């Protein structure tokens, strides 16, 4: 048995969705499903067309993106780990 909160409860607890009415949360929840990823997995790569919105229930996520200095030097940097 899954002891995690329902998707509606998870949405309600997020800053992005907390002000929505129950009916609105229910409508969004119908579009949602849970996914699990192994540590170090890439969810998407910079430049990919958006296909999903991710809400992290558990764990950490790092945003890694390319930085350009003066138009010539490119480096990769981790911007934030949440």
C-alpha atoms as a PDB file:
ATOM      1  CA  UNK A   1       0.000   0.000   0.000  1.00  0.00           C
ATOM      2  CA  UNK A   2       1.236   3.491  -0.868  1.00  0.00           C
ATOM      3  CA  UNK A   3       1.430   5.693   2.255  1.00  0.00           C
ATOM      4  CA  UNK A   4       2.326   8.848   0.354  1.00  0.00           C
ATOM      5  CA  UNK A   5      -0.068  11.804   0.316  1.00  0.00           C
ATOM      6  CA  UNK A   6      -2.418  11.972  -2.665  1.00  0.00           C
ATOM      7  CA  UNK A   7      -1.374  13.998  -5.682  1.00  0.00           C
ATOM      8  CA  UNK A   8      -4.023  16.584  -4.739  1.00  0.00           C
ATOM      9  CA  UNK A   9      -2.459  16.905  -1.256  1.00  0.00           C
ATOM     10  CA  UNK A  10       1.016  17.261  -2.758  1.00  0.00           C
ATOM     11  CA  UNK A  11      -0.199  19.964  -5.145  1.00  0.00           C
ATOM     12  CA  UNK A  12      -1.984  21.833  -2.348  1.00  0.00           C
ATOM     13  CA  UNK A  13       1.255  21.812  -0.331  1.00  0.00           C
ATOM     14  CA  UNK A  14       3.290  23.424  -3.108  1.00  0.00           C
ATOM     15  CA  UNK A  15       3.758  27.179  -3.414  1.00  0.00           C
ATOM     16  CA  UNK A  16       2.676  27.073  -7.040  1.00  0.00           C
ATOM     17  CA  UNK A  17      -0.723  25.462  -6.455  1.00  0.00           C
ATOM     18  CA  UNK A  18      -1.651  26.184  -2.834  1.00  0.00           C
ATOM     19  CA  UNK A  19      -4.177  28.946  -3.651  1.00  0.00           C
ATOM     20  CA  UNK A  20      -6.228  26.813  -6.042  1.00  0.00           C
ATOM     21  CA  UNK A  21      -9.705  25.529  -5.264  1.00  0.00           C
ATOM     22  CA  UNK A  22     -10.349  21.809  -4.776  1.00  0.00           C
ATOM     23  CA  UNK A  23     -11.981  21.509  -8.205  1.00  0.00           C
ATOM     24  CA  UNK A  24      -8.948  23.127  -9.847  1.00  0.00           C
ATOM     25  CA  UNK A  25      -6.539  20.846  -7.973  1.00  0.00           C
ATOM     26  CA  UNK A  26      -8.614  17.815  -8.973  1.00  0.00           C
ATOM     27  CA  UNK A  27      -8.473  18.853 -12.638  1.00  0.00           C
ATOM     28  CA  UNK A  28      -4.678  19.273 -12.512  1.00  0.00           C
ATOM     29  CA  UNK A  29      -4.218  16.039 -10.547  1.00  0.00           C
ATOM     30  CA  UNK A  30      -5.948  14.106 -13.353  1.00  0.00           C
ATOM     31  CA  UNK A  31      -3.056  15.149 -15.620  1.00  0.00           C
ATOM     32  CA  UNK A  32      -0.391  14.068 -13.115  1.00  0.00           C
ATOM     33  CA  UNK A  33       1.388  10.841 -12.408  1.00  0.00           C
ATOM     34  CA  UNK A  34       4.305   9.926 -10.187  1.00  0.00           C
ATOM     35  CA  UNK A  35       7.711   9.027 -11.579  1.00  0.00           C
ATOM     36  CA  UNK A  36      10.875   7.884  -9.818  1.00  0.00           C
ATOM     37  CA  UNK A  37      14.423   8.454 -10.998  1.00  0.00           C
ATOM     38  CA  UNK A  38      17.765   7.016  -9.944  1.00  0.00           C
ATOM     39  CA  UNK A  39      20.356   9.388  -8.470  1.00  0.00           C
ATOM     40  CA  UNK A  40      22.323  11.099 -11.234  1.00  0.00           C
ATOM     41  CA  UNK A  41      19.584  10.706 -13.855  1.00  0.00           C
ATOM     42  CA  UNK A  42      18.912  13.519 -16.318  1.00  0.00           C
ATOM     43  CA  UNK A  43      15.257  14.545 -16.383  1.00  0.00           C
ATOM     44  CA  UNK A  44      15.835  16.775 -19.381  1.00  0.00           C
ATOM     45  CA  UNK A  45      18.722  18.474 -21.143  1.00  0.00           C
ATOM     46  CA  UNK A  46      19.164  22.192 -21.698  1.00  0.00           C
ATOM     47  CA  UNK A  47      17.577  23.143 -25.014  1.00  0.00           C
ATOM     48  CA  UNK A  48      15.009  20.305 -24.993  1.00  0.00           C
ATOM     49  CA  UNK A  49      11.436  21.332 -25.732  1.00  0.00           C
ATOM     50  CA  UNK A  50       9.361  21.205 -22.543  1.00  0.00           C
ATOM     51  CA  UNK A  51       7.216  18.082 -22.309  1.00  0.00           C
ATOM     52  CA  UNK A  52       6.419  17.980 -18.586  1.00  0.00           C
ATOM     53  CA  UNK A  53       6.281  19.965 -15.371  1.00  0.00           C
ATOM     54  CA  UNK A  54       8.128  18.345 -12.485  1.00  0.00           C
ATOM     55  CA  UNK A  55       7.176  18.677  -8.833  1.00  0.00           C
ATOM     56  CA  UNK A  56       9.792  17.140  -6.564  1.00  0.00           C
ATOM     57  CA  UNK A  57       8.161  15.262  -3.689  1.00  0.00           C
ATOM     58  CA  UNK A  58      11.320  13.792  -2.258  1.00  0.00           C
ATOM     59  CA  UNK A  59      15.041  14.055  -2.912  1.00  0.00           C
ATOM     60  CA  UNK A  60      17.155  16.718  -4.558  1.00  0.00           C
ATOM     61  CA  UNK A  61      17.410  18.209  -8.022  1.00  0.00           C
ATOM     62  CA  UNK A  62      20.323  20.135  -9.511  1.00  0.00           C
ATOM     63  CA  UNK A  63      19.940  22.529 -12.437  1.00  0.00           C
ATOM     64  CA  UNK A  64      23.006  22.279 -14.647  1.00  0.00           C
ATOM     65  CA  UNK A  65      23.294  24.736 -17.513  1.00  0.00           C
ATOM     66  CA  UNK A  66      25.829  26.174 -19.903  1.00  0.00           C
ATOM     67  CA  UNK A  67      27.255  29.629 -19.289  1.00  0.00           C
ATOM     68  CA  UNK A  68      28.769  31.805 -21.975  1.00  0.00           C
ATOM     69  CA  UNK A  69      31.336  34.489 -21.209  1.00  0.00           C
ATOM     70  CA  UNK A  70      31.997  37.061 -23.908  1.00  0.00           C
ATOM     71  CA  UNK A  71      30.372  34.838 -26.492  1.00  0.00           C
ATOM     72  CA  UNK A  72      33.407  32.542 -26.729  1.00  0.00           C
ATOM     73  CA  UNK A  73      34.028  30.741 -23.466  1.00  0.00           C
ATOM     74  CA  UNK A  74      31.441  28.132 -22.544  1.00  0.00           C
ATOM     75  CA  UNK A  75      31.355  26.452 -19.160  1.00  0.00           C
ATOM     76  CA  UNK A  76      28.893  24.290 -17.329  1.00  0.00           C
ATOM     77  CA  UNK A  77      27.730  25.180 -13.849  1.00  0.00           C
ATOM     78  CA  UNK A  78      25.283  23.816 -11.312  1.00  0.00           C
ATOM     79  CA  UNK A  79      22.961  26.721 -10.618  1.00  0.00           C
ATOM     80  CA  UNK A  80      20.913  25.382  -7.732  1.00  0.00           C
ATOM     81  CA  UNK A  81      20.329  22.204  -5.829  1.00  0.00           C
ATOM     82  CA  UNK A  82      16.941  21.989  -4.172  1.00  0.00           C
END
